[in-house]
Amino acid sequence: MAKSASNDALTLIRSLHSAYAATPTILKIIDLYIVFAIATGLVQVLYMAIVGSFPFNSFLSGVLSCVGTAVLAVCLRIQVNKENKEFKDLPPERAFADFVLCNLVLHLVIMNFLG
């Protein structure tokens, strides 16, 4: 039973690795950015758990900034992906401009929330 589960896990990992190897470089860069944003949010949550959350607005602003940035990057990845048929008429430059504008608005709101 354990050997079967181990073989299934290895097969799954190999298939995911081969499928991700065919992913374009621009999507891999966006994936790395998403992982960075999530990791930064997790570091902030761990810091708050260890040290405390005295300026709670600062903690909340930092975490919401990370989460919002990750969500916007996922939207960018969906729009830039060539295999997605819904956004085939949308040029990548327009998708990136939307991403930058939405990030600007997000961070202006976050800075306003800081006080």
PDB file of N, CA and C in Angstrom:
ATOM      1  N   MET A   1       0.819  -1.193   0.000  1.00  0.00           N
ATOM      2  CA  MET A   1       0.000   0.000   0.000  1.00  0.00           C
ATOM      3  C   MET A   1       0.864   1.258   0.000  1.00  0.00           C
ATOM      4  N   ALA A   2       1.876   1.307   0.863  1.00  0.00           N
ATOM      5  CA  ALA A   2       2.745   2.477   0.945  1.00  0.00           C
ATOM      6  C   ALA A   2       3.582   2.617  -0.317  1.00  0.00           C
ATOM      7  N   LYS A   3       4.003   1.487  -0.893  1.00  0.00           N
ATOM      8  CA  LYS A   3       4.803   1.532  -2.113  1.00  0.00           C
ATOM      9  C   LYS A   3       3.972   2.071  -3.279  1.00  0.00           C
ATOM     10  N   SER A   4       2.702   1.704  -3.331  1.00  0.00           N
ATOM     11  CA  SER A   4       1.822   2.191  -4.379  1.00  0.00           C
ATOM     12  C   SER A   4       1.616   3.701  -4.256  1.00  0.00           C
ATOM     13  N   ALA A   5       1.420   4.179  -3.045  1.00  0.00           N
ATOM     14  CA  ALA A   5       1.242   5.614  -2.826  1.00  0.00           C
ATOM     15  C   ALA A   5       2.516   6.370  -3.182  1.00  0.00           C
ATOM     16  N   SER A   6       3.669   5.796  -2.867  1.00  0.00           N
ATOM     17  CA  SER A   6       4.940   6.430  -3.195  1.00  0.00           C
ATOM     18  C   SER A   6       5.139   6.506  -4.713  1.00  0.00           C
ATOM     19  N   ASN A   7       4.808   5.436  -5.410  1.00  0.00           N
ATOM     20  CA  ASN A   7       4.921   5.439  -6.871  1.00  0.00           C
ATOM     21  C   ASN A   7       3.956   6.433  -7.495  1.00  0.00           C
ATOM     22  N   ASP A   8       2.748   6.510  -6.938  1.00  0.00           N
ATOM     23  CA  ASP A   8       1.780   7.477  -7.450  1.00  0.00           C
ATOM     24  C   ASP A   8       2.272   8.907  -7.245  1.00  0.00           C
ATOM     25  N   ALA A   9       2.866   9.170  -6.101  1.00  0.00           N
ATOM     26  CA  ALA A   9       3.381  10.508  -5.818  1.00  0.00           C
ATOM     27  C   ALA A   9       4.533  10.857  -6.761  1.00  0.00           C
ATOM     28  N   LEU A  10       5.424   9.909  -6.995  1.00  0.00           N
ATOM     29  CA  LEU A  10       6.534  10.162  -7.922  1.00  0.00           C
ATOM     30  C   LEU A  10       6.028  10.389  -9.340  1.00  0.00           C
ATOM     31  N   THR A  11       5.049   9.629  -9.749  1.00  0.00           N
ATOM     32  CA  THR A  11       4.473   9.818 -11.078  1.00  0.00           C
ATOM     33  C   THR A  11       3.823  11.187 -11.198  1.00  0.00           C
ATOM     34  N   LEU A  12       3.121  11.607 -10.166  1.00  0.00           N
ATOM     35  CA  LEU A  12       2.494  12.924 -10.170  1.00  0.00           C
ATOM     36  C   LEU A  12       3.536  14.034 -10.239  1.00  0.00           C
ATOM     37  N   ILE A  13       4.591  13.910  -9.458  1.00  0.00           N
ATOM     38  CA  ILE A  13       5.648  14.926  -9.460  1.00  0.00           C
ATOM     39  C   ILE A  13       6.331  14.994 -10.820  1.00  0.00           C
ATOM     40  N   ARG A  14       6.604  13.852 -11.415  1.00  0.00           N
ATOM     41  CA  ARG A  14       7.238  13.843 -12.750  1.00  0.00           C
ATOM     42  C   ARG A  14       6.337  14.468 -13.802  1.00  0.00           C
ATOM     43  N   SER A  15       5.043  14.164 -13.758  1.00  0.00           N
ATOM     44  CA  SER A  15       4.136  14.728 -14.753  1.00  0.00           C
ATOM     45  C   SER A  15       3.989  16.240 -14.567  1.00  0.00           C
ATOM     46  N   LEU A  16       3.931  16.705 -13.313  1.00  0.00           N
ATOM     47  CA  LEU A  16       3.865  18.143 -13.073  1.00  0.00           C
ATOM     48  C   LEU A  16       5.143  18.843 -13.528  1.00  0.00           C
ATOM     49  N   HIS A  17       6.287  18.203 -13.284  1.00  0.00           N
ATOM     50  CA  HIS A  17       7.561  18.793 -13.704  1.00  0.00           C
ATOM     51  C   HIS A  17       7.651  18.878 -15.225  1.00  0.00           C
ATOM     52  N   SER A  18       7.232  17.845 -15.918  1.00  0.00           N
ATOM     53  CA  SER A  18       7.298  17.880 -17.382  1.00  0.00           C
ATOM     54  C   SER A  18       6.306  18.884 -17.961  1.00  0.00           C
ATOM     55  N   ALA A  19       5.145  19.025 -17.336  1.00  0.00           N
ATOM     56  CA  ALA A  19       4.172  20.010 -17.819  1.00  0.00           C
ATOM     57  C   ALA A  19       4.656  21.427 -17.544  1.00  0.00           C
ATOM     58  N   TYR A  20       5.293  21.648 -16.394  1.00  0.00           N
ATOM     59  CA  TYR A  20       5.775  22.990 -16.066  1.00  0.00           C
ATOM     60  C   TYR A  20       7.011  23.353 -16.887  1.00  0.00           C
ATOM     61  N   ALA A  21       7.749  22.362 -17.355  1.00  0.00           N
ATOM     62  CA  ALA A  21       8.918  22.640 -18.193  1.00  0.00           C
ATOM     63  C   ALA A  21       8.506  23.262 -19.523  1.00  0.00           C
ATOM     64  N   ALA A  22       7.288  22.978 -19.962  1.00  0.00           N
ATOM     65  CA  ALA A  22       6.796  23.534 -21.225  1.00  0.00           C
ATOM     66  C   ALA A  22       6.185  24.926 -21.050  1.00  0.00           C
ATOM     67  N   THR A  23       6.125  25.422 -19.839  1.00  0.00           N
ATOM     68  CA  THR A  23       5.554  26.739 -19.569  1.00  0.00           C
ATOM     69  C   THR A  23       6.506  27.828 -20.055  1.00  0.00           C
ATOM     70  N   PRO A  24       5.967  28.870 -20.699  1.00  0.00           N
ATOM     71  CA  PRO A  24       6.832  29.967 -21.155  1.00  0.00           C
ATOM     72  C   PRO A  24       7.531  30.664 -19.983  1.00  0.00           C
ATOM     73  N   THR A  25       8.663  31.275 -20.272  1.00  0.00           N
ATOM     74  CA  THR A  25       9.489  31.914 -19.255  1.00  0.00           C
ATOM     75  C   THR A  25       8.760  33.063 -18.573  1.00  0.00           C
ATOM     76  N   ILE A  26       7.984  33.827 -19.310  1.00  0.00           N
ATOM     77  CA  ILE A  26       7.295  34.973 -18.712  1.00  0.00           C
ATOM     78  C   ILE A  26       6.315  34.511 -17.637  1.00  0.00           C
ATOM     79  N   LEU A  27       5.661  33.374 -17.861  1.00  0.00           N
ATOM     80  CA  LEU A  27       4.734  32.852 -16.858  1.00  0.00           C
ATOM     81  C   LEU A  27       5.480  32.318 -15.640  1.00  0.00           C
ATOM     82  N   LYS A  28       6.671  31.778 -15.860  1.00  0.00           N
ATOM     83  CA  LYS A  28       7.483  31.312 -14.734  1.00  0.00           C
ATOM     84  C   LYS A  28       7.938  32.487 -13.867  1.00  0.00           C
ATOM     85  N   ILE A  29       8.253  33.607 -14.509  1.00  0.00           N
ATOM     86  CA  ILE A  29       8.650  34.801 -13.764  1.00  0.00           C
ATOM     87  C   ILE A  29       7.484  35.325 -12.935  1.00  0.00           C
ATOM     88  N   ILE A  30       6.297  35.338 -13.522  1.00  0.00           N
ATOM     89  CA  ILE A  30       5.112  35.777 -12.787  1.00  0.00           C
ATOM     90  C   ILE A  30       4.831  34.817 -11.629  1.00  0.00           C
ATOM     91  N   ASP A  31       5.006  33.514 -11.850  1.00  0.00           N
ATOM     92  CA  ASP A  31       4.827  32.529 -10.770  1.00  0.00           C
ATOM     93  C   ASP A  31       5.801  32.786  -9.628  1.00  0.00           C
ATOM     94  N   LEU A  32       7.024  33.112  -9.964  1.00  0.00           N
ATOM     95  CA  LEU A  32       8.026  33.415  -8.943  1.00  0.00           C
ATOM     96  C   LEU A  32       7.638  34.658  -8.146  1.00  0.00           C
ATOM     97  N   TYR A  33       7.095  35.646  -8.824  1.00  0.00           N
ATOM     98  CA  TYR A  33       6.629  36.866  -8.160  1.00  0.00           C
ATOM     99  C   TYR A  33       5.475  36.560  -7.205  1.00  0.00           C
ATOM    100  N   ILE A  34       4.569  35.680  -7.622  1.00  0.00           N
ATOM    101  CA  ILE A  34       3.444  35.285  -6.768  1.00  0.00           C
ATOM    102  C   ILE A  34       3.953  34.562  -5.530  1.00  0.00           C
ATOM    103  N   VAL A  35       4.900  33.653  -5.713  1.00  0.00           N
ATOM    104  CA  VAL A  35       5.473  32.926  -4.570  1.00  0.00           C
ATOM    105  C   VAL A  35       6.170  33.903  -3.619  1.00  0.00           C
ATOM    106  N   PHE A  36       6.878  34.889  -4.163  1.00  0.00           N
ATOM    107  CA  PHE A  36       7.539  35.892  -3.332  1.00  0.00           C
ATOM    108  C   PHE A  36       6.529  36.698  -2.520  1.00  0.00           C
ATOM    109  N   ALA A  37       5.433  37.107  -3.144  1.00  0.00           N
ATOM    110  CA  ALA A  37       4.414  37.896  -2.438  1.00  0.00           C
ATOM    111  C   ALA A  37       3.785  37.081  -1.313  1.00  0.00           C
ATOM    112  N   ILE A  38       3.494  35.807  -1.583  1.00  0.00           N
ATOM    113  CA  ILE A  38       2.900  34.962  -0.551  1.00  0.00           C
ATOM    114  C   ILE A  38       3.894  34.700   0.574  1.00  0.00           C
ATOM    115  N   ALA A  39       5.153  34.468   0.222  1.00  0.00           N
ATOM    116  CA  ALA A  39       6.180  34.223   1.245  1.00  0.00           C
ATOM    117  C   ALA A  39       6.380  35.456   2.122  1.00  0.00           C
ATOM    118  N   THR A  40       6.329  36.637   1.530  1.00  0.00           N
ATOM    119  CA  THR A  40       6.462  37.862   2.308  1.00  0.00           C
ATOM    120  C   THR A  40       5.301  38.011   3.297  1.00  0.00           C
ATOM    121  N   GLY A  41       4.101  37.685   2.848  1.00  0.00           N
ATOM    122  CA  GLY A  41       2.950  37.728   3.746  1.00  0.00           C
ATOM    123  C   GLY A  41       3.075  36.728   4.882  1.00  0.00           C
ATOM    124  N   LEU A  42       3.575  35.538   4.582  1.00  0.00           N
ATOM    125  CA  LEU A  42       3.760  34.526   5.623  1.00  0.00           C
ATOM    126  C   LEU A  42       4.818  34.952   6.639  1.00  0.00           C
ATOM    127  N   VAL A  43       5.880  35.586   6.157  1.00  0.00           N
ATOM    128  CA  VAL A  43       6.913  36.089   7.075  1.00  0.00           C
ATOM    129  C   VAL A  43       6.319  37.150   7.999  1.00  0.00           C
ATOM    130  N   GLN A  44       5.466  37.993   7.479  1.00  0.00           N
ATOM    131  CA  GLN A  44       4.838  39.013   8.314  1.00  0.00           C
ATOM    132  C   GLN A  44       3.920  38.391   9.366  1.00  0.00           C
ATOM    133  N   VAL A  45       3.182  37.353   8.973  1.00  0.00           N
ATOM    134  CA  VAL A  45       2.302  36.677   9.931  1.00  0.00           C
ATOM    135  C   VAL A  45       3.131  35.988  11.008  1.00  0.00           C
ATOM    136  N   LEU A  46       4.225  35.343  10.625  1.00  0.00           N
ATOM    137  CA  LEU A  46       5.098  34.707  11.608  1.00  0.00           C
ATOM    138  C   LEU A  46       5.716  35.740  12.554  1.00  0.00           C
ATOM    139  N   TYR A  47       6.136  36.858  12.001  1.00  0.00           N
ATOM    140  CA  TYR A  47       6.701  37.929  12.835  1.00  0.00           C
ATOM    141  C   TYR A  47       5.669  38.434  13.835  1.00  0.00           C
ATOM    142  N   MET A  48       4.428  38.604  13.365  1.00  0.00           N
ATOM    143  CA  MET A  48       3.370  39.063  14.255  1.00  0.00           C
ATOM    144  C   MET A  48       3.096  38.032  15.345  1.00  0.00           C
ATOM    145  N   ALA A  49       3.165  36.747  14.998  1.00  0.00           N
ATOM    146  CA  ALA A  49       2.914  35.704  15.991  1.00  0.00           C
ATOM    147  C   ALA A  49       4.020  35.669  17.046  1.00  0.00           C
ATOM    148  N   ILE A  50       5.241  35.956  16.645  1.00  0.00           N
ATOM    149  CA  ILE A  50       6.370  35.895  17.579  1.00  0.00           C
ATOM    150  C   ILE A  50       6.484  37.176  18.399  1.00  0.00           C
ATOM    151  N   VAL A  51       6.459  38.319  17.735  1.00  0.00           N
ATOM    152  CA  VAL A  51       6.735  39.594  18.396  1.00  0.00           C
ATOM    153  C   VAL A  51       5.463  40.235  18.957  1.00  0.00           C
ATOM    154  N   GLY A  52       4.382  40.161  18.235  1.00  0.00           N
ATOM    155  CA  GLY A  52       3.141  40.796  18.658  1.00  0.00           C
ATOM    156  C   GLY A  52       2.632  41.725  17.571  1.00  0.00           C
ATOM    157  N   SER A  53       1.436  42.202  17.757  1.00  0.00           N
ATOM    158  CA  SER A  53       0.817  43.030  16.715  1.00  0.00           C
ATOM    159  C   SER A  53       0.437  44.401  17.273  1.00  0.00           C
ATOM    160  N   PHE A  54       1.394  45.075  17.908  1.00  0.00           N
ATOM    161  CA  PHE A  54       1.063  46.364  18.517  1.00  0.00           C
ATOM    162  C   PHE A  54       0.518  47.360  17.499  1.00  0.00           C
ATOM    163  N   PRO A  55       1.254  47.722  16.453  1.00  0.00           N
ATOM    164  CA  PRO A  55       0.591  48.584  15.456  1.00  0.00           C
ATOM    165  C   PRO A  55      -0.194  47.681  14.488  1.00  0.00           C
ATOM    166  N   PHE A  56      -1.414  47.314  14.892  1.00  0.00           N
ATOM    167  CA  PHE A  56      -2.185  46.340  14.119  1.00  0.00           C
ATOM    168  C   PHE A  56      -2.483  46.839  12.712  1.00  0.00           C
ATOM    169  N   ASN A  57      -2.660  48.154  12.540  1.00  0.00           N
ATOM    170  CA  ASN A  57      -2.899  48.688  11.195  1.00  0.00           C
ATOM    171  C   ASN A  57      -1.715  48.419  10.279  1.00  0.00           C
ATOM    172  N   SER A  58      -0.515  48.498  10.802  1.00  0.00           N
ATOM    173  CA  SER A  58       0.674  48.240   9.988  1.00  0.00           C
ATOM    174  C   SER A  58       0.731  46.781   9.570  1.00  0.00           C
ATOM    175  N   PHE A  59       0.457  45.894  10.521  1.00  0.00           N
ATOM    176  CA  PHE A  59       0.446  44.468  10.195  1.00  0.00           C
ATOM    177  C   PHE A  59      -0.619  44.166   9.159  1.00  0.00           C
ATOM    178  N   LEU A  60      -1.824  44.675   9.369  1.00  0.00           N
ATOM    179  CA  LEU A  60      -2.919  44.417   8.442  1.00  0.00           C
ATOM    180  C   LEU A  60      -2.624  44.996   7.067  1.00  0.00           C
ATOM    181  N   SER A  61      -2.043  46.178   7.022  1.00  0.00           N
ATOM    182  CA  SER A  61      -1.689  46.791   5.739  1.00  0.00           C
ATOM    183  C   SER A  61      -0.650  45.965   5.000  1.00  0.00           C
ATOM    184  N   GLY A  62       0.353  45.482   5.703  1.00  0.00           N
ATOM    185  CA  GLY A  62       1.388  44.682   5.062  1.00  0.00           C
ATOM    186  C   GLY A  62       0.858  43.379   4.507  1.00  0.00           C
ATOM    187  N   VAL A  63       0.042  42.693   5.288  1.00  0.00           N
ATOM    188  CA  VAL A  63      -0.500  41.410   4.831  1.00  0.00           C
ATOM    189  C   VAL A  63      -1.474  41.624   3.674  1.00  0.00           C
ATOM    190  N   LEU A  64      -2.340  42.620   3.782  1.00  0.00           N
ATOM    191  CA  LEU A  64      -3.280  42.889   2.688  1.00  0.00           C
ATOM    192  C   LEU A  64      -2.556  43.329   1.417  1.00  0.00           C
ATOM    193  N   SER A  65      -1.456  44.032   1.576  1.00  0.00           N
ATOM    194  CA  SER A  65      -0.650  44.409   0.418  1.00  0.00           C
ATOM    195  C   SER A  65      -0.090  43.175  -0.283  1.00  0.00           C
ATOM    196  N   CYS A  66       0.409  42.234   0.502  1.00  0.00           N
ATOM    197  CA  CYS A  66       0.951  40.996  -0.079  1.00  0.00           C
ATOM    198  C   CYS A  66      -0.130  40.169  -0.748  1.00  0.00           C
ATOM    199  N   VAL A  67      -1.260  40.033  -0.084  1.00  0.00           N
ATOM    200  CA  VAL A  67      -2.357  39.244  -0.647  1.00  0.00           C
ATOM    201  C   VAL A  67      -2.901  39.906  -1.910  1.00  0.00           C
ATOM    202  N   GLY A  68      -3.102  41.221  -1.854  1.00  0.00           N
ATOM    203  CA  GLY A  68      -3.606  41.938  -3.026  1.00  0.00           C
ATOM    204  C   GLY A  68      -2.656  41.876  -4.205  1.00  0.00           C
ATOM    205  N   THR A  69      -1.376  42.004  -3.930  1.00  0.00           N
ATOM    206  CA  THR A  69      -0.379  41.908  -4.993  1.00  0.00           C
ATOM    207  C   THR A  69      -0.369  40.518  -5.614  1.00  0.00           C
ATOM    208  N   ALA A  70      -0.492  39.485  -4.784  1.00  0.00           N
ATOM    209  CA  ALA A  70      -0.522  38.119  -5.309  1.00  0.00           C
ATOM    210  C   ALA A  70      -1.768  37.896  -6.166  1.00  0.00           C
ATOM    211  N   VAL A  71      -2.898  38.407  -5.738  1.00  0.00           N
ATOM    212  CA  VAL A  71      -4.135  38.239  -6.514  1.00  0.00           C
ATOM    213  C   VAL A  71      -4.025  38.966  -7.849  1.00  0.00           C
ATOM    214  N   LEU A  72      -3.489  40.167  -7.830  1.00  0.00           N
ATOM    215  CA  LEU A  72      -3.330  40.904  -9.086  1.00  0.00           C
ATOM    216  C   LEU A  72      -2.333  40.206 -10.015  1.00  0.00           C
ATOM    217  N   ALA A  73      -1.298  39.602  -9.445  1.00  0.00           N
ATOM    218  CA  ALA A  73      -0.333  38.875 -10.275  1.00  0.00           C
ATOM    219  C   ALA A  73      -0.961  37.616 -10.879  1.00  0.00           C
ATOM    220  N   VAL A  74      -1.843  36.965 -10.138  1.00  0.00           N
ATOM    221  CA  VAL A  74      -2.552  35.809 -10.698  1.00  0.00           C
ATOM    222  C   VAL A  74      -3.431  36.256 -11.863  1.00  0.00           C
ATOM    223  N   CYS A  75      -4.090  37.399 -11.711  1.00  0.00           N
ATOM    224  CA  CYS A  75      -4.899  37.935 -12.812  1.00  0.00           C
ATOM    225  C   CYS A  75      -4.025  38.258 -14.023  1.00  0.00           C
ATOM    226  N   LEU A  76      -2.851  38.817 -13.778  1.00  0.00           N
ATOM    227  CA  LEU A  76      -1.920  39.094 -14.872  1.00  0.00           C
ATOM    228  C   LEU A  76      -1.507  37.809 -15.563  1.00  0.00           C
ATOM    229  N   ARG A  77      -1.229  36.771 -14.782  1.00  0.00           N
ATOM    230  CA  ARG A  77      -0.815  35.492 -15.362  1.00  0.00           C
ATOM    231  C   ARG A  77      -1.917  34.898 -16.235  1.00  0.00           C
ATOM    232  N   ILE A  78      -3.146  35.024 -15.784  1.00  0.00           N
ATOM    233  CA  ILE A  78      -4.271  34.510 -16.569  1.00  0.00           C
ATOM    234  C   ILE A  78      -4.398  35.276 -17.876  1.00  0.00           C
ATOM    235  N   GLN A  79      -4.212  36.588 -17.833  1.00  0.00           N
ATOM    236  CA  GLN A  79      -4.371  37.396 -19.032  1.00  0.00           C
ATOM    237  C   GLN A  79      -3.225  37.223 -20.018  1.00  0.00           C
ATOM    238  N   VAL A  80      -2.024  36.959 -19.519  1.00  0.00           N
ATOM    239  CA  VAL A  80      -0.847  36.857 -20.393  1.00  0.00           C
ATOM    240  C   VAL A  80      -0.714  35.465 -21.003  1.00  0.00           C
ATOM    241  N   ASN A  81      -1.311  34.466 -20.381  1.00  0.00           N
ATOM    242  CA  ASN A  81      -1.202  33.090 -20.859  1.00  0.00           C
ATOM    243  C   ASN A  81      -1.804  32.955 -22.253  1.00  0.00           C
ATOM    244  N   LYS A  82      -1.010  32.471 -23.189  1.00  0.00           N
ATOM    245  CA  LYS A  82      -1.457  32.338 -24.578  1.00  0.00           C
ATOM    246  C   LYS A  82      -2.490  31.229 -24.760  1.00  0.00           C
ATOM    247  N   GLU A  83      -2.504  30.249 -23.862  1.00  0.00           N
ATOM    248  CA  GLU A  83      -3.450  29.145 -23.976  1.00  0.00           C
ATOM    249  C   GLU A  83      -4.853  29.529 -23.518  1.00  0.00           C
ATOM    250  N   ASN A  84      -4.996  30.663 -22.848  1.00  0.00           N
ATOM    251  CA  ASN A  84      -6.289  31.124 -22.381  1.00  0.00           C
ATOM    252  C   ASN A  84      -7.013  31.801 -23.537  1.00  0.00           C
ATOM    253  N   LYS A  85      -8.125  31.246 -23.935  1.00  0.00           N
ATOM    254  CA  LYS A  85      -8.845  31.750 -25.118  1.00  0.00           C
ATOM    255  C   LYS A  85      -9.680  32.991 -24.815  1.00  0.00           C
ATOM    256  N   GLU A  86      -9.996  33.244 -23.541  1.00  0.00           N
ATOM    257  CA  GLU A  86     -10.826  34.399 -23.206  1.00  0.00           C
ATOM    258  C   GLU A  86     -10.118  35.720 -23.459  1.00  0.00           C
ATOM    259  N   PHE A  87      -8.813  35.753 -23.275  1.00  0.00           N
ATOM    260  CA  PHE A  87      -8.057  36.994 -23.400  1.00  0.00           C
ATOM    261  C   PHE A  87      -7.146  36.977 -24.622  1.00  0.00           C
ATOM    262  N   LYS A  88      -7.536  36.290 -25.672  1.00  0.00           N
ATOM    263  CA  LYS A  88      -6.662  36.192 -26.840  1.00  0.00           C
ATOM    264  C   LYS A  88      -6.535  37.525 -27.578  1.00  0.00           C
ATOM    265  N   ASP A  89      -7.561  38.395 -27.473  1.00  0.00           N
ATOM    266  CA  ASP A  89      -7.502  39.691 -28.153  1.00  0.00           C
ATOM    267  C   ASP A  89      -6.801  40.761 -27.324  1.00  0.00           C
ATOM    268  N   LEU A  90      -6.504  40.455 -26.068  1.00  0.00           N
ATOM    269  CA  LEU A  90      -5.866  41.420 -25.182  1.00  0.00           C
ATOM    270  C   LEU A  90      -4.352  41.342 -25.321  1.00  0.00           C
ATOM    271  N   PRO A  91      -3.711  42.439 -25.744  1.00  0.00           N
ATOM    272  CA  PRO A  91      -2.242  42.399 -25.852  1.00  0.00           C
ATOM    273  C   PRO A  91      -1.595  42.334 -24.468  1.00  0.00           C
ATOM    274  N   PRO A  92      -0.439  41.680 -24.373  1.00  0.00           N
ATOM    275  CA  PRO A  92       0.232  41.573 -23.068  1.00  0.00           C
ATOM    276  C   PRO A  92       0.613  42.920 -22.471  1.00  0.00           C
ATOM    277  N   GLU A  93       0.886  43.900 -23.313  1.00  0.00           N
ATOM    278  CA  GLU A  93       1.241  45.225 -22.812  1.00  0.00           C
ATOM    279  C   GLU A  93       0.068  45.855 -22.078  1.00  0.00           C
ATOM    280  N   ARG A  94      -1.135  45.650 -22.605  1.00  0.00           N
ATOM    281  CA  ARG A  94      -2.341  46.179 -21.951  1.00  0.00           C
ATOM    282  C   ARG A  94      -2.563  45.476 -20.618  1.00  0.00           C
ATOM    283  N   ALA A  95      -2.359  44.162 -20.583  1.00  0.00           N
ATOM    284  CA  ALA A  95      -2.529  43.412 -19.332  1.00  0.00           C
ATOM    285  C   ALA A  95      -1.529  43.903 -18.289  1.00  0.00           C
ATOM    286  N   PHE A  96      -0.285  44.139 -18.705  1.00  0.00           N
ATOM    287  CA  PHE A  96       0.725  44.631 -17.767  1.00  0.00           C
ATOM    288  C   PHE A  96       0.397  46.047 -17.293  1.00  0.00           C
ATOM    289  N   ALA A  97      -0.106  46.893 -18.202  1.00  0.00           N
ATOM    290  CA  ALA A  97      -0.489  48.254 -17.806  1.00  0.00           C
ATOM    291  C   ALA A  97      -1.637  48.206 -16.798  1.00  0.00           C
ATOM    292  N   ASP A  98      -2.604  47.319 -17.008  1.00  0.00           N
ATOM    293  CA  ASP A  98      -3.692  47.154 -16.031  1.00  0.00           C
ATOM    294  C   ASP A  98      -3.150  46.694 -14.690  1.00  0.00           C
ATOM    295  N   PHE A  99      -2.187  45.784 -14.716  1.00  0.00           N
ATOM    296  CA  PHE A  99      -1.575  45.280 -13.493  1.00  0.00           C
ATOM    297  C   PHE A  99      -0.883  46.403 -12.730  1.00  0.00           C
ATOM    298  N   VAL A 100      -0.140  47.223 -13.433  1.00  0.00           N
ATOM    299  CA  VAL A 100       0.582  48.325 -12.786  1.00  0.00           C
ATOM    300  C   VAL A 100      -0.400  49.347 -12.221  1.00  0.00           C
ATOM    301  N   LEU A 101      -1.428  49.691 -12.975  1.00  0.00           N
ATOM    302  CA  LEU A 101      -2.411  50.665 -12.501  1.00  0.00           C
ATOM    303  C   LEU A 101      -3.163  50.138 -11.277  1.00  0.00           C
ATOM    304  N   CYS A 102      -3.575  48.887 -11.312  1.00  0.00           N
ATOM    305  CA  CYS A 102      -4.286  48.304 -10.164  1.00  0.00           C
ATOM    306  C   CYS A 102      -3.373  48.213  -8.947  1.00  0.00           C
ATOM    307  N   ASN A 103      -2.100  47.907  -9.142  1.00  0.00           N
ATOM    308  CA  ASN A 103      -1.154  47.886  -8.027  1.00  0.00           C
ATOM    309  C   ASN A 103      -0.970  49.286  -7.439  1.00  0.00           C
ATOM    310  N   LEU A 104      -0.946  50.288  -8.292  1.00  0.00           N
ATOM    311  CA  LEU A 104      -0.828  51.663  -7.818  1.00  0.00           C
ATOM    312  C   LEU A 104      -2.020  52.040  -6.943  1.00  0.00           C
ATOM    313  N   VAL A 105      -3.225  51.713  -7.419  1.00  0.00           N
ATOM    314  CA  VAL A 105      -4.428  52.012  -6.646  1.00  0.00           C
ATOM    315  C   VAL A 105      -4.433  51.224  -5.340  1.00  0.00           C
ATOM    316  N   LEU A 106      -4.073  49.947  -5.396  1.00  0.00           N
ATOM    317  CA  LEU A 106      -4.026  49.110  -4.195  1.00  0.00           C
ATOM    318  C   LEU A 106      -3.089  49.704  -3.151  1.00  0.00           C
ATOM    319  N   HIS A 107      -1.909  50.096  -3.572  1.00  0.00           N
ATOM    320  CA  HIS A 107      -0.935  50.587  -2.607  1.00  0.00           C
ATOM    321  C   HIS A 107      -1.265  52.010  -2.120  1.00  0.00           C
ATOM    322  N   LEU A 108      -1.969  52.800  -2.911  1.00  0.00           N
ATOM    323  CA  LEU A 108      -2.447  54.082  -2.411  1.00  0.00           C
ATOM    324  C   LEU A 108      -3.488  53.856  -1.312  1.00  0.00           C
ATOM    325  N   VAL A 109      -4.358  52.897  -1.491  1.00  0.00           N
ATOM    326  CA  VAL A 109      -5.356  52.575  -0.464  1.00  0.00           C
ATOM    327  C   VAL A 109      -4.657  52.031   0.785  1.00  0.00           C
ATOM    328  N   ILE A 110      -3.652  51.180   0.579  1.00  0.00           N
ATOM    329  CA  ILE A 110      -2.916  50.617   1.709  1.00  0.00           C
ATOM    330  C   ILE A 110      -2.209  51.726   2.499  1.00  0.00           C
ATOM    331  N   MET A 111      -1.591  52.673   1.792  1.00  0.00           N
ATOM    332  CA  MET A 111      -0.903  53.768   2.481  1.00  0.00           C
ATOM    333  C   MET A 111      -1.900  54.659   3.225  1.00  0.00           C
ATOM    334  N   ASN A 112      -3.085  54.834   2.666  1.00  0.00           N
ATOM    335  CA  ASN A 112      -4.121  55.610   3.341  1.00  0.00           C
ATOM    336  C   ASN A 112      -4.588  54.888   4.602  1.00  0.00           C
ATOM    337  N   PHE A 113      -4.642  53.575   4.560  1.00  0.00           N
ATOM    338  CA  PHE A 113      -5.074  52.795   5.720  1.00  0.00           C
ATOM    339  C   PHE A 113      -4.057  52.845   6.841  1.00  0.00           C
ATOM    340  N   LEU A 114      -2.772  53.000   6.480  1.00  0.00           N
ATOM    341  CA  LEU A 114      -1.731  53.086   7.509  1.00  0.00           C
ATOM    342  C   LEU A 114      -1.962  54.276   8.437  1.00  0.00           C
ATOM    343  N   GLY A 115      -2.461  55.339   7.896  1.00  0.00           N
ATOM    344  CA  GLY A 115      -2.772  56.489   8.746  1.00  0.00           C
ATOM    345  C   GLY A 115      -1.842  57.602   8.606  1.00  0.00           C
TER     346      GLY A 115
END
